[in-house]
Amino acid sequence: MKLGCSTVLFNQLDLYGALQHIAWAGYEGAELACLAHYARHVELVTKKSYTDEIKATAKKHNLGLFGIHAGFGDQPGYDRITAMKIMFEVAEKIGVPVVTIRCGGKSDDKETTKEEFKVIREMSKAAESHGVILAIKPHVGASVYNTATMLQMLNEIDSPGLGANLDTLHIFRAREDASETVRKLGKKIVHVHLREYPDVPDRLHYEALAEEEIAGRGGVEFPKILKALKKIGYEGAMDLDVIGAFTFPLSRQMGITAESRGYFNRCMQELK
């Protein structure tokens, strides 16, 4: 398993600066954020000069490019499917194997879920054509929000271009044991978002502070989850993904990044 960090934490920096700080914190690689309302460190630009620059920047910092976290429907000037088709081309050109998005729709609503699955099916075909995998992450309130709905999606859409993102925060908010989610999804897991969350009574509506998403400070049982991932033979990327630190000074953002890396590195050492 490879330990990485999303560039979303360093929203105030350009790509070079974000990757530099991720490297300084000791991570092996990075997930590039393309989130219109949060951070954009990769754009819908397929020119060779642009994609070569991204690869060169990562190489300069000795970082792997583990994935792209793309917004779902927040790419100005593009419809969702067109935007993702371009994003898959970008991913192919920079050598990123996985593009992660959240599902739209509404939880437990058959009609919106049916429509979302149609969109995901078309996106999965586009991802496959570029040799990339679309990873759908569970999200509170969306059509795919827990283990059962992830399994439903994967059973209804049988595509080599589709996989599951294990987002530990949203599985925890759904009051599920993420290690059991790992067991049930198995090889369908193609990417992992490592996200902490406090053990509060109302997990559905509580909005965690950025400090409460620092690994080891909340209720998510990461050692148990990592053991489950090792047991199924998962060898992909696990990227720290902290939302909510956008107005923090850079030193505070770096503190979150470094503390979390130290925690996860220790957890992974204990797996050996």
Foldseek 3Di string as FASTA:
>chain_A
DFEEAELLLVQVDELLVSLLLRLVLPGQAYAYEPEVVGHHRDDLDQDLVRLVVNLVSCVVSNHDHAYYEHEQQPRPPDGRLVSLLSVLSSCLSNVHAEYEYEFAAFDPDVVRLVVRLVSVLSSLVSNVVSNHAYAYEADQGHNRQELVSQVVSCVVRPGPRYAYEAEQLSHVLVVHQSLVSCVVRQPSHAEYEQWAAAPDPNSRPDDDAQVRRQPPNHDHPVLSNVLSCVVSPPDGYYYYDGPHCRPPPPVVSSVSSNRSVVVVVVSVVVND
